N, C-alpha and C. Protein backbone atom coordinates (compact mmCIF):
# COMPACT_ATOMS: atom_id res chain seq x y z
N MET A 1 -175.50 312.59 199.07
CA MET A 1 -174.32 311.97 199.75
C MET A 1 -173.36 311.29 199.17
N HIS A 2 -171.86 311.46 199.97
CA HIS A 2 -171.31 310.42 199.10
C HIS A 2 -171.18 308.82 200.40
N ASP A 3 -170.88 308.14 199.45
CA ASP A 3 -170.43 307.28 200.73
C ASP A 3 -169.27 307.14 201.40
N ALA A 4 -169.12 306.80 202.57
CA ALA A 4 -167.62 307.06 203.14
C ALA A 4 -166.58 306.01 202.44
N LEU A 5 -165.49 306.43 202.43
CA LEU A 5 -164.45 305.67 201.72
C LEU A 5 -164.44 304.61 202.89
N PRO A 6 -163.98 303.07 202.43
CA PRO A 6 -164.04 301.84 203.00
C PRO A 6 -162.32 302.11 203.35
N ALA A 7 -162.24 301.90 205.06
CA ALA A 7 -161.22 301.63 205.69
C ALA A 7 -160.08 300.76 205.04
N PRO A 8 -158.82 301.22 205.08
CA PRO A 8 -157.44 300.25 204.13
C PRO A 8 -157.33 298.93 205.06
N LEU A 9 -157.15 298.02 204.13
CA LEU A 9 -157.29 296.67 204.48
C LEU A 9 -155.66 296.42 205.58
N VAL A 10 -155.08 297.36 205.38
CA VAL A 10 -153.50 297.29 206.38
C VAL A 10 -153.59 298.62 207.15
N PRO A 11 -153.63 298.51 208.69
CA PRO A 11 -153.65 299.57 209.27
C PRO A 11 -152.44 300.46 208.79
N GLU A 12 -152.34 301.82 208.70
CA GLU A 12 -151.61 302.67 208.52
C GLU A 12 -150.13 303.05 209.36
N PRO A 13 -149.98 302.47 210.22
CA PRO A 13 -148.65 302.17 211.03
C PRO A 13 -147.91 301.09 210.75
N ALA A 14 -149.05 299.62 210.55
CA ALA A 14 -148.56 298.39 210.13
C ALA A 14 -147.88 298.47 208.47
N ARG A 15 -148.65 299.65 207.71
CA ARG A 15 -148.28 299.62 206.20
C ARG A 15 -146.79 300.43 206.62
N ARG A 16 -146.93 301.18 207.34
CA ARG A 16 -145.77 302.31 207.27
C ARG A 16 -144.22 301.36 207.77
N SER A 17 -144.44 300.50 208.77
CA SER A 17 -143.51 299.29 209.10
C SER A 17 -143.31 298.51 208.04
N PHE A 18 -144.16 298.09 207.32
CA PHE A 18 -143.98 297.44 206.11
C PHE A 18 -142.91 298.19 205.46
N LEU A 19 -143.70 299.26 204.93
CA LEU A 19 -142.80 299.53 203.93
C LEU A 19 -141.27 300.30 204.19
N ALA A 20 -141.15 300.64 205.17
CA ALA A 20 -139.81 300.76 206.12
C ALA A 20 -139.25 299.63 206.20
N ARG A 21 -139.44 298.16 206.27
CA ARG A 21 -138.66 296.91 206.21
C ARG A 21 -138.39 296.67 204.71
N VAL A 22 -139.40 297.02 203.58
CA VAL A 22 -138.73 296.53 202.53
C VAL A 22 -137.66 298.09 201.72
N ALA A 23 -137.91 298.77 202.43
CA ALA A 23 -137.02 299.76 201.97
C ALA A 23 -135.25 299.43 202.74
N GLY A 24 -135.37 299.10 203.77
CA GLY A 24 -134.10 298.46 204.48
C GLY A 24 -133.49 297.21 203.54
N MET A 25 -134.15 296.49 203.26
CA MET A 25 -134.05 295.68 202.49
C MET A 25 -133.32 295.84 201.13
N LEU A 26 -134.11 296.61 200.36
CA LEU A 26 -133.54 297.43 199.09
C LEU A 26 -132.25 298.14 199.59
N ALA A 27 -132.02 298.67 200.64
CA ALA A 27 -130.75 299.21 201.05
C ALA A 27 -129.76 298.49 201.13
N ALA A 28 -129.87 297.25 201.59
CA ALA A 28 -128.87 296.28 202.08
C ALA A 28 -128.64 295.30 200.88
N LEU A 29 -129.36 295.11 199.41
CA LEU A 29 -128.83 294.86 198.55
C LEU A 29 -127.93 294.68 197.95
N PRO A 30 -126.97 295.90 197.56
CA PRO A 30 -125.65 296.16 197.37
C PRO A 30 -124.74 295.21 198.07
N LEU A 31 -125.20 295.69 199.60
CA LEU A 31 -124.13 294.91 200.59
C LEU A 31 -123.94 293.57 200.48
N ILE A 32 -125.31 293.01 200.09
CA ILE A 32 -125.43 291.72 199.96
C ILE A 32 -124.99 291.01 198.75
N ASP A 33 -124.83 291.89 197.80
CA ASP A 33 -124.18 291.79 196.35
C ASP A 33 -122.83 290.86 196.61
N ARG A 34 -122.22 292.56 197.68
CA ARG A 34 -120.74 292.35 197.73
C ARG A 34 -120.31 290.81 198.97
N HIS A 35 -120.94 290.69 199.71
CA HIS A 35 -120.97 289.72 200.33
C HIS A 35 -121.02 288.34 199.32
N ALA A 36 -121.77 288.47 198.24
CA ALA A 36 -121.95 287.07 197.64
C ALA A 36 -120.93 287.36 196.86
N GLU A 37 -120.24 288.41 196.47
CA GLU A 37 -119.29 288.30 195.18
C GLU A 37 -117.72 287.93 195.98
N GLN A 38 -117.61 288.07 196.98
CA GLN A 38 -116.68 288.19 197.77
C GLN A 38 -116.73 286.55 198.33
N PHE A 39 -118.09 285.86 198.42
CA PHE A 39 -117.81 284.38 198.78
C PHE A 39 -117.87 283.78 197.55
N ALA A 40 -118.31 284.16 196.41
CA ALA A 40 -117.71 283.41 195.36
C ALA A 40 -116.45 283.53 195.03
N ARG A 41 -115.64 284.75 195.29
CA ARG A 41 -114.39 284.68 194.47
C ARG A 41 -113.50 283.66 195.46
N ARG A 42 -113.75 283.80 196.92
CA ARG A 42 -112.90 283.07 197.78
C ARG A 42 -112.96 281.68 197.32
N SER A 43 -114.63 281.16 196.83
CA SER A 43 -114.92 279.80 196.66
C SER A 43 -114.03 279.57 195.47
N ARG A 44 -114.15 280.34 194.40
CA ARG A 44 -113.09 279.95 193.18
C ARG A 44 -111.26 279.99 193.52
N SER A 45 -111.29 280.86 194.35
CA SER A 45 -109.33 280.98 194.82
C SER A 45 -109.30 279.81 195.39
N ILE A 46 -109.85 278.85 196.27
CA ILE A 46 -109.83 277.40 196.74
C ILE A 46 -109.74 276.35 195.37
N ALA A 47 -110.72 276.67 194.85
CA ALA A 47 -111.19 275.84 193.80
C ALA A 47 -109.60 275.33 192.86
N THR A 48 -108.82 276.52 192.69
CA THR A 48 -107.72 276.89 191.91
C THR A 48 -106.77 276.93 192.72
N GLN A 49 -106.52 276.19 194.27
CA GLN A 49 -105.38 276.90 194.74
C GLN A 49 -104.28 275.69 194.69
N PRO A 50 -103.17 275.65 194.28
CA PRO A 50 -102.30 274.58 194.14
C PRO A 50 -102.40 273.94 195.92
N ASN A 51 -101.90 272.34 195.74
CA ASN A 51 -101.85 271.60 197.18
C ASN A 51 -101.16 272.32 197.54
N ALA A 52 -101.23 272.73 199.12
CA ALA A 52 -100.20 273.35 200.24
C ALA A 52 -99.34 272.28 200.40
N THR A 53 -99.54 270.95 200.57
CA THR A 53 -98.55 269.82 200.91
C THR A 53 -97.57 269.90 200.06
N GLN A 54 -98.14 269.70 198.37
CA GLN A 54 -97.22 269.22 197.19
C GLN A 54 -96.17 270.97 197.11
N LEU A 55 -96.87 272.00 197.31
CA LEU A 55 -96.11 273.27 197.10
C LEU A 55 -95.15 273.17 198.39
N GLY A 56 -95.54 273.14 199.47
CA GLY A 56 -94.35 272.88 200.96
C GLY A 56 -93.05 271.90 200.27
N ALA A 57 -93.64 270.77 199.63
CA ALA A 57 -92.70 269.69 199.47
C ALA A 57 -91.61 270.58 198.00
N LEU A 58 -92.30 270.91 197.41
CA LEU A 58 -91.67 271.25 196.12
C LEU A 58 -90.69 272.74 196.83
N ALA A 59 -91.31 273.41 197.33
CA ALA A 59 -90.60 274.29 198.18
C ALA A 59 -89.01 274.03 198.84
N ALA A 60 -89.28 272.91 199.41
CA ALA A 60 -87.98 272.13 200.18
C ALA A 60 -87.04 271.60 199.43
N ALA A 61 -87.44 271.46 198.07
CA ALA A 61 -86.53 271.10 196.94
C ALA A 61 -85.85 271.93 196.01
N VAL A 62 -86.11 273.13 196.09
CA VAL A 62 -86.09 274.05 194.98
C VAL A 62 -85.27 275.46 195.92
N LEU A 63 -85.52 275.45 196.87
CA LEU A 63 -85.22 276.64 197.67
C LEU A 63 -84.13 276.40 198.40
N PRO A 64 -83.01 277.41 198.72
CA PRO A 64 -81.72 277.30 199.37
C PRO A 64 -82.10 276.43 200.74
N ALA A 65 -81.09 275.56 200.70
CA ALA A 65 -81.50 274.45 202.20
C ALA A 65 -81.16 275.50 203.78
N GLU A 66 -80.19 276.78 203.45
CA GLU A 66 -80.10 277.39 204.52
C GLU A 66 -81.30 278.15 204.90
N LEU A 67 -82.36 278.23 204.09
CA LEU A 67 -83.74 278.67 204.72
C LEU A 67 -83.94 277.76 206.09
N GLY A 68 -83.76 276.77 206.06
CA GLY A 68 -84.31 275.84 207.22
C GLY A 68 -85.91 275.20 206.88
N PRO A 69 -86.38 274.87 207.79
CA PRO A 69 -87.84 274.32 207.78
C PRO A 69 -88.74 275.72 207.70
N ALA A 70 -88.04 276.69 208.98
CA ALA A 70 -88.92 277.82 209.43
C ALA A 70 -89.06 278.99 208.25
N GLY A 71 -87.74 279.14 207.80
CA GLY A 71 -87.62 279.87 206.51
C GLY A 71 -88.46 279.97 205.02
N THR A 72 -88.22 278.43 205.13
CA THR A 72 -88.78 277.15 203.79
C THR A 72 -90.86 278.14 204.03
N SER A 73 -91.39 277.74 205.12
CA SER A 73 -92.08 277.65 205.49
C SER A 73 -92.73 278.98 204.79
N ARG A 74 -91.82 280.37 205.90
CA ARG A 74 -92.07 281.21 205.37
C ARG A 74 -92.26 281.96 203.80
N ALA A 75 -91.14 281.72 203.40
CA ALA A 75 -91.29 281.69 201.96
C ALA A 75 -92.61 281.59 201.21
N VAL A 76 -92.73 280.42 201.86
CA VAL A 76 -94.24 279.58 201.07
C VAL A 76 -95.47 280.42 201.15
N ALA A 77 -95.70 280.78 202.36
CA ALA A 77 -96.60 281.56 202.68
C ALA A 77 -96.60 283.11 202.40
N ASP A 78 -95.58 283.28 201.94
CA ASP A 78 -95.28 284.64 201.34
C ASP A 78 -95.81 284.49 199.54
N PHE A 79 -95.24 283.39 199.13
CA PHE A 79 -95.71 283.25 197.73
C PHE A 79 -97.27 282.83 197.83
N GLN A 80 -97.84 282.15 199.21
CA GLN A 80 -99.20 282.06 199.18
C GLN A 80 -100.17 283.35 199.07
N ARG A 81 -99.99 284.29 199.70
CA ARG A 81 -100.16 285.46 199.74
C ARG A 81 -100.56 286.16 198.79
N TRP A 82 -99.22 286.34 198.21
CA TRP A 82 -99.24 286.75 196.48
C TRP A 82 -100.09 286.10 195.77
N MET A 83 -100.48 284.62 195.61
CA MET A 83 -101.04 284.27 194.97
C MET A 83 -102.80 284.42 195.27
N ASP A 84 -102.88 284.24 196.56
CA ASP A 84 -104.13 284.97 196.94
C ASP A 84 -104.72 286.39 196.74
N GLY A 85 -103.75 287.32 196.37
CA GLY A 85 -103.97 288.91 195.72
C GLY A 85 -103.98 288.82 194.55
N TYR A 86 -104.28 288.20 193.71
CA TYR A 86 -103.83 287.97 192.62
C TYR A 86 -105.52 288.13 191.72
N ARG A 87 -105.16 289.00 191.35
CA ARG A 87 -106.62 289.43 190.40
C ARG A 87 -106.19 289.49 189.00
N PRO A 88 -106.65 288.60 188.23
CA PRO A 88 -107.16 288.41 186.71
C PRO A 88 -107.60 289.78 185.88
N GLY A 89 -107.00 290.67 185.23
CA GLY A 89 -107.91 291.56 184.46
C GLY A 89 -107.52 293.01 185.16
N ALA A 90 -106.52 293.01 186.12
CA ALA A 90 -106.25 294.23 187.02
C ALA A 90 -105.72 294.97 186.70
N GLU A 91 -105.53 296.48 186.71
CA GLU A 91 -104.43 297.38 185.76
C GLU A 91 -103.30 297.18 186.40
N ILE A 92 -102.15 297.19 185.68
CA ILE A 92 -100.69 297.48 186.17
C ILE A 92 -100.08 298.72 185.76
N ASN A 93 -99.47 299.14 187.52
CA ASN A 93 -98.73 300.53 186.93
C ASN A 93 -97.97 300.87 186.00
N HIS A 94 -98.61 301.69 185.25
CA HIS A 94 -97.93 301.86 183.88
C HIS A 94 -96.07 302.62 184.04
N GLY A 95 -95.41 302.24 183.08
CA GLY A 95 -93.89 302.86 183.15
C GLY A 95 -93.85 304.45 183.09
N TYR A 96 -92.76 304.70 183.70
CA TYR A 96 -92.43 306.13 183.61
C TYR A 96 -92.86 306.52 182.39
N GLY A 97 -93.20 307.77 181.85
CA GLY A 97 -93.36 308.55 180.41
C GLY A 97 -94.50 307.52 179.70
N THR A 98 -95.14 306.90 179.86
CA THR A 98 -95.83 306.10 178.93
C THR A 98 -97.61 305.97 179.60
N GLY A 99 -98.41 306.45 178.87
CA GLY A 99 -99.74 306.14 179.38
C GLY A 99 -100.24 305.01 179.05
N THR A 100 -99.57 304.17 178.76
CA THR A 100 -100.25 302.67 178.36
C THR A 100 -100.62 301.98 179.51
N ILE A 101 -101.90 301.99 179.57
CA ILE A 101 -102.36 300.79 180.85
C ILE A 101 -102.42 299.32 180.50
N ASP A 102 -101.56 298.71 181.02
CA ASP A 102 -101.46 296.90 180.84
C ASP A 102 -102.77 296.67 181.91
N ARG A 103 -102.96 294.96 181.70
CA ARG A 103 -103.85 294.23 182.66
C ARG A 103 -102.97 292.87 182.99
N LEU A 104 -103.31 292.51 184.16
CA LEU A 104 -103.03 291.16 184.36
C LEU A 104 -103.23 290.26 183.67
N GLY A 105 -102.91 289.10 183.16
CA GLY A 105 -103.50 287.98 182.66
C GLY A 105 -104.57 287.27 183.14
N ALA A 106 -104.26 285.79 182.55
CA ALA A 106 -104.80 284.66 183.31
C ALA A 106 -104.62 284.81 184.69
N ASP A 107 -105.42 283.87 185.51
CA ASP A 107 -105.00 283.53 186.75
C ASP A 107 -103.73 282.29 186.46
N PRO A 108 -102.64 282.22 186.69
CA PRO A 108 -101.81 280.51 186.68
C PRO A 108 -102.56 279.90 187.64
N ARG A 109 -102.69 280.51 188.85
CA ARG A 109 -102.76 279.09 189.07
C ARG A 109 -103.75 277.64 188.79
N PRO A 110 -104.46 277.58 188.38
CA PRO A 110 -104.87 276.73 187.98
C PRO A 110 -104.19 275.41 187.09
N GLN A 111 -103.16 276.01 186.47
CA GLN A 111 -102.03 275.46 185.60
C GLN A 111 -100.96 275.24 186.60
N TRP A 112 -100.43 275.84 187.70
CA TRP A 112 -99.46 275.33 188.71
C TRP A 112 -99.87 274.48 189.50
N ARG A 113 -101.45 274.35 189.88
CA ARG A 113 -101.79 273.41 190.36
C ARG A 113 -102.06 272.09 189.48
N ALA A 114 -102.14 272.22 188.36
CA ALA A 114 -101.54 270.89 187.39
C ALA A 114 -100.24 270.16 187.68
N GLN A 115 -99.39 271.47 187.25
CA GLN A 115 -98.10 271.06 187.59
C GLN A 115 -97.86 270.17 188.56
N LEU A 116 -97.90 270.75 189.49
CA LEU A 116 -97.63 269.95 190.96
C LEU A 116 -98.32 268.80 190.61
N SER A 117 -99.69 268.60 190.36
CA SER A 117 -100.00 267.00 190.54
C SER A 117 -99.67 266.65 189.19
N ALA A 118 -98.93 266.87 188.09
CA ALA A 118 -97.48 266.15 187.57
C ALA A 118 -96.90 265.62 187.93
N LEU A 119 -95.93 266.44 189.02
CA LEU A 119 -94.84 266.11 189.39
C LEU A 119 -95.23 265.25 190.86
N ASP A 120 -96.48 264.85 191.20
CA ASP A 120 -97.04 263.89 191.99
C ASP A 120 -97.31 262.62 191.25
N ALA A 121 -97.43 262.42 190.20
CA ALA A 121 -97.43 261.47 189.36
C ALA A 121 -96.18 261.02 188.85
N ASP A 122 -95.47 261.93 188.51
CA ASP A 122 -94.34 261.46 188.18
C ASP A 122 -93.72 260.41 189.36
N ALA A 123 -94.00 261.45 190.40
CA ALA A 123 -93.09 260.66 191.60
C ALA A 123 -93.93 259.09 192.39
N ARG A 124 -95.05 258.87 191.69
CA ARG A 124 -95.90 257.76 191.89
C ARG A 124 -95.58 256.66 190.96
N ARG A 125 -94.87 257.33 189.93
CA ARG A 125 -94.69 255.99 188.52
C ARG A 125 -93.16 255.80 188.93
N ALA A 126 -92.49 256.45 189.71
CA ALA A 126 -91.08 256.27 189.72
C ALA A 126 -90.97 255.43 191.01
N GLY A 127 -91.57 255.53 192.05
CA GLY A 127 -91.27 254.95 193.12
C GLY A 127 -92.43 254.45 194.05
N GLY A 128 -93.59 254.76 193.50
CA GLY A 128 -94.92 254.40 194.23
C GLY A 128 -95.62 255.27 195.43
N GLN A 129 -94.48 256.60 195.48
CA GLN A 129 -94.91 257.13 196.55
C GLN A 129 -95.23 258.66 196.44
N SER A 130 -96.04 259.69 196.73
CA SER A 130 -96.23 260.79 196.54
C SER A 130 -95.08 261.74 196.42
N PHE A 131 -95.13 262.75 195.75
CA PHE A 131 -94.09 263.60 195.60
C PHE A 131 -93.37 264.24 197.01
N ALA A 132 -94.73 264.72 198.15
CA ALA A 132 -94.14 265.17 199.09
C ALA A 132 -93.61 263.98 200.28
N THR A 133 -93.87 262.34 199.81
CA THR A 133 -92.99 261.86 200.68
C THR A 133 -91.61 261.27 200.61
N LEU A 134 -91.28 261.85 198.94
CA LEU A 134 -89.76 261.30 198.82
C LEU A 134 -88.94 262.28 198.93
N PRO A 135 -87.76 261.76 199.45
CA PRO A 135 -86.63 262.44 200.20
C PRO A 135 -86.13 263.98 198.88
N VAL A 136 -85.50 264.34 199.61
CA VAL A 136 -85.04 265.73 198.98
C VAL A 136 -84.86 265.80 197.58
N GLU A 137 -83.51 264.78 197.68
CA GLU A 137 -82.73 264.72 196.47
C GLU A 137 -83.65 263.99 195.52
N GLN A 138 -84.59 263.28 195.16
CA GLN A 138 -85.41 262.34 194.66
C GLN A 138 -86.41 263.72 194.28
N ARG A 139 -87.00 264.22 194.93
CA ARG A 139 -87.80 265.35 194.47
C ARG A 139 -87.12 266.37 193.38
N GLN A 140 -85.83 266.51 193.49
CA GLN A 140 -84.90 267.44 192.72
C GLN A 140 -84.80 266.82 191.61
N THR A 141 -84.97 265.36 191.63
CA THR A 141 -84.47 265.01 190.25
C THR A 141 -85.85 265.02 189.72
N ILE A 142 -86.91 264.54 190.07
CA ILE A 142 -88.07 264.87 189.20
C ILE A 142 -88.65 266.24 188.89
N VAL A 143 -88.13 267.23 189.51
CA VAL A 143 -87.97 268.95 188.77
C VAL A 143 -87.25 269.22 188.39
N ARG A 144 -85.92 268.72 188.32
CA ARG A 144 -84.83 268.51 187.20
C ARG A 144 -85.45 268.28 185.59
N ALA A 145 -86.17 267.12 185.85
CA ALA A 145 -86.55 266.43 185.04
C ALA A 145 -87.90 267.07 183.98
N ALA A 146 -88.83 268.18 185.20
CA ALA A 146 -90.00 268.57 184.39
C ALA A 146 -89.58 269.80 183.77
N LEU A 147 -88.39 270.66 184.29
CA LEU A 147 -87.30 271.60 184.03
C LEU A 147 -86.38 271.30 182.76
N ALA A 148 -86.54 270.42 181.92
CA ALA A 148 -85.82 270.18 181.04
C ALA A 148 -85.46 271.32 179.76
N GLY A 149 -86.90 271.23 179.72
CA GLY A 149 -87.14 272.21 178.62
C GLY A 149 -86.79 273.44 178.80
N GLU A 150 -86.89 274.14 179.93
CA GLU A 150 -86.80 275.54 180.33
C GLU A 150 -85.31 275.83 179.73
N ARG A 151 -85.29 277.49 179.45
CA ARG A 151 -83.94 278.08 179.14
C ARG A 151 -84.30 279.18 179.32
N GLY A 152 -83.00 280.09 179.51
CA GLY A 152 -83.15 281.40 180.41
C GLY A 152 -81.89 280.88 181.24
N GLU A 153 -81.27 282.24 181.50
CA GLU A 153 -79.89 282.48 182.34
C GLU A 153 -80.18 283.20 183.34
N THR A 154 -81.60 284.10 183.49
CA THR A 154 -81.79 284.51 184.50
C THR A 154 -83.02 284.20 184.98
N LEU A 155 -84.08 284.04 185.79
CA LEU A 155 -85.39 283.78 186.42
C LEU A 155 -85.96 285.14 186.01
N PRO A 156 -87.29 284.76 185.56
CA PRO A 156 -88.26 285.54 185.00
C PRO A 156 -88.79 286.05 186.18
N SER A 157 -89.66 287.02 186.12
CA SER A 157 -91.27 287.41 187.08
C SER A 157 -92.08 286.08 187.16
N PRO A 158 -92.04 286.25 188.52
CA PRO A 158 -93.61 285.03 188.79
C PRO A 158 -94.31 284.80 187.36
N LEU A 159 -95.10 285.76 187.44
CA LEU A 159 -95.85 285.65 186.58
C LEU A 159 -95.62 285.06 184.87
N ALA A 160 -94.27 285.34 184.54
CA ALA A 160 -93.94 285.10 183.44
C ALA A 160 -93.09 283.36 183.34
N ALA A 161 -92.97 283.02 184.75
CA ALA A 161 -92.40 281.38 184.80
C ALA A 161 -93.95 280.72 183.89
N ARG A 162 -93.34 279.76 183.25
CA ARG A 162 -93.78 278.76 182.72
C ARG A 162 -94.38 277.75 184.06
N HIS A 163 -93.83 277.71 184.59
CA HIS A 163 -93.72 276.03 185.74
C HIS A 163 -93.87 276.98 186.99
N VAL A 164 -94.41 276.18 187.98
CA VAL A 164 -94.68 276.70 189.08
C VAL A 164 -93.03 276.33 189.78
N ALA A 165 -92.49 275.42 189.72
CA ALA A 165 -91.00 275.25 190.54
C ALA A 165 -90.42 276.83 190.05
N VAL A 166 -90.59 277.51 188.86
CA VAL A 166 -89.78 278.48 188.26
C VAL A 166 -90.39 279.87 188.74
N ALA A 167 -91.77 280.18 189.03
CA ALA A 167 -92.18 280.96 189.98
C ALA A 167 -92.18 281.07 191.24
N LEU A 168 -92.31 279.92 191.93
CA LEU A 168 -91.51 279.87 193.29
C LEU A 168 -90.51 280.56 193.47
N MET A 169 -89.95 279.93 192.79
CA MET A 169 -87.85 280.40 193.03
C MET A 169 -87.99 282.18 192.34
N ALA A 170 -88.68 282.12 191.47
CA ALA A 170 -88.57 283.55 191.43
C ALA A 170 -89.02 284.90 192.22
N HIS A 171 -89.95 283.74 192.62
CA HIS A 171 -90.84 284.92 193.85
C HIS A 171 -89.99 285.29 194.95
N PHE A 172 -89.23 283.84 195.34
CA PHE A 172 -88.52 284.02 196.72
C PHE A 172 -87.35 284.93 196.02
N TYR A 173 -86.94 284.77 195.06
CA TYR A 173 -85.55 285.25 194.96
C TYR A 173 -85.44 287.25 194.70
N GLU A 174 -86.92 287.76 194.67
CA GLU A 174 -87.28 289.19 194.14
C GLU A 174 -87.49 289.49 196.26
N SER A 175 -87.55 288.43 196.73
CA SER A 175 -88.08 289.11 198.42
C SER A 175 -86.97 289.15 199.14
N PRO A 176 -87.14 290.23 200.49
CA PRO A 176 -86.22 290.79 201.45
C PRO A 176 -85.68 289.82 201.86
N LEU A 177 -85.97 288.58 201.89
CA LEU A 177 -85.54 287.46 202.63
C LEU A 177 -84.19 286.86 202.23
N ALA A 178 -84.56 286.68 200.89
CA ALA A 178 -83.41 286.42 199.71
C ALA A 178 -82.12 287.00 199.74
N THR A 179 -82.21 288.41 199.90
CA THR A 179 -81.15 289.76 200.15
C THR A 179 -80.69 289.19 201.37
N ASP A 180 -81.28 288.94 202.36
CA ASP A 180 -80.57 288.44 203.54
C ASP A 180 -79.80 287.42 203.58
N LEU A 181 -79.99 286.75 202.75
CA LEU A 181 -79.88 285.46 202.95
C LEU A 181 -78.36 285.34 201.99
N CYS A 182 -78.37 286.22 200.94
CA CYS A 182 -77.13 286.21 199.97
C CYS A 182 -75.96 287.24 200.78
N TYR A 183 -76.64 287.95 201.62
CA TYR A 183 -75.55 289.12 202.36
C TYR A 183 -74.94 288.57 203.46
N GLU A 184 -76.24 287.21 203.55
CA GLU A 184 -75.58 286.92 205.73
C GLU A 184 -76.02 287.74 206.35
N SER A 185 -76.69 288.70 206.20
CA SER A 185 -77.17 290.01 207.06
C SER A 185 -78.35 289.89 206.67
N GLU A 186 -79.13 290.79 208.11
CA GLU A 186 -80.46 291.25 208.08
C GLU A 186 -80.41 292.99 207.43
N ILE A 187 -80.47 292.63 205.98
CA ILE A 187 -80.02 293.87 204.93
C ILE A 187 -81.60 294.69 205.16
N GLY A 188 -83.16 293.84 205.13
CA GLY A 188 -83.86 294.52 205.24
C GLY A 188 -84.70 295.45 204.32
N ARG A 189 -84.06 294.79 203.02
CA ARG A 189 -84.30 295.71 201.67
C ARG A 189 -85.78 295.67 201.66
N GLN A 190 -86.40 297.04 201.02
CA GLN A 190 -87.51 297.06 200.65
C GLN A 190 -88.31 297.84 202.07
N GLN A 191 -87.71 297.80 202.94
CA GLN A 191 -87.96 298.05 204.29
C GLN A 191 -87.63 299.76 204.62
N CYS A 192 -88.07 300.47 205.36
CA CYS A 192 -87.49 301.88 205.98
C CYS A 192 -86.95 301.42 207.39
N ARG A 193 -86.30 302.34 207.32
CA ARG A 193 -85.26 302.00 208.74
C ARG A 193 -85.21 303.59 209.40
N PRO A 194 -85.11 303.77 210.22
CA PRO A 194 -84.81 305.24 210.88
C PRO A 194 -83.84 305.93 211.09
N LEU A 195 -83.84 307.33 210.69
CA LEU A 195 -82.03 307.90 210.32
C LEU A 195 -81.34 307.45 210.93
N ALA A 196 -81.81 307.65 212.90
CA ALA A 196 -80.67 306.96 213.52
C ALA A 196 -80.06 305.53 213.54
N ALA A 197 -80.82 304.63 212.64
CA ALA A 197 -79.78 303.51 212.33
C ALA A 197 -79.01 303.15 211.00
N GLN A 198 -79.25 304.60 210.15
CA GLN A 198 -78.66 304.65 208.89
C GLN A 198 -76.78 304.45 208.80
N ARG A 199 -76.50 304.43 209.92
CA ARG A 199 -75.04 304.36 209.99
C ARG A 199 -74.65 303.39 210.43
N GLN A 200 -75.27 302.24 210.95
CA GLN A 200 -75.49 301.03 211.39
C GLN A 200 -75.26 300.07 210.47
N GLN A 201 -74.13 299.14 210.94
CA GLN A 201 -74.01 298.20 209.85
C GLN A 201 -75.34 296.95 210.05
N PRO A 202 -75.37 295.97 208.92
CA PRO A 202 -76.65 295.19 209.33
C PRO A 202 -75.84 294.31 210.15
N VAL A 203 -76.92 293.74 210.92
CA VAL A 203 -76.70 292.88 211.65
C VAL A 203 -76.63 291.44 211.29
N ALA A 204 -75.76 290.51 211.59
CA ALA A 204 -75.01 289.34 210.77
C ALA A 204 -76.31 288.34 211.17
N LEU A 205 -76.47 287.52 210.07
CA LEU A 205 -77.32 286.46 210.62
C LEU A 205 -77.25 285.67 211.35
N ALA A 206 -75.75 285.13 211.35
CA ALA A 206 -75.55 284.45 212.41
C ALA A 206 -75.75 285.07 213.98
N ARG A 207 -76.09 286.24 214.06
CA ARG A 207 -75.72 286.28 215.20
C ARG A 207 -77.20 286.91 215.91
N ARG A 208 -78.45 286.25 214.68
CA ARG A 208 -79.92 286.20 214.94
C ARG A 208 -79.99 286.11 216.36
N GLY A 209 -80.84 286.50 217.36
CA GLY A 209 -81.29 285.79 218.96
C GLY A 209 -80.14 285.82 219.34
N ARG A 210 -79.20 286.25 219.74
CA ARG A 210 -78.04 286.12 220.47
C ARG A 210 -78.17 287.54 221.62
């Protein structure tokens, strides 16, 4: 006679429950990895993000005064969202008739953050105050000095700009808001208009809110 097999140390229902939990944990690993990657990406973004106060002070100095505080804040927020969505190494849509695929370059934000800090340091050396607390005219003087070596008759694309002030202006002047301001009308460039409104003249900005 054969001896009876020993009873399992772990009862079968408990063993099955344990294996089910392990399988669930293994299935969740990709999701955990994605969350960890997203958290790391957000952390890197915050670490390289240009100072918001300095960026707002710069915008008030280099963007059109006609925007007013609300329009300037909107332009800065749009620029901020554009920076947040930047992914170094991402593929760029290739041009018509070519199959060459280019990729985005390095993240420009660390350099722009350093340039904003340099503007702040220049302001403190000049008057003992931070860049953001100086009057707009003094901020403009400091920015002009920082851009003294820049050359060109047109604004480059924001990514081709060598200074954050130029990048901010370039991003704004590519926007529908800049077109509206130029024509003093609500053109709504890059926005779809219903067919019924095609024959209507754009509303003048001066009439907004009336």
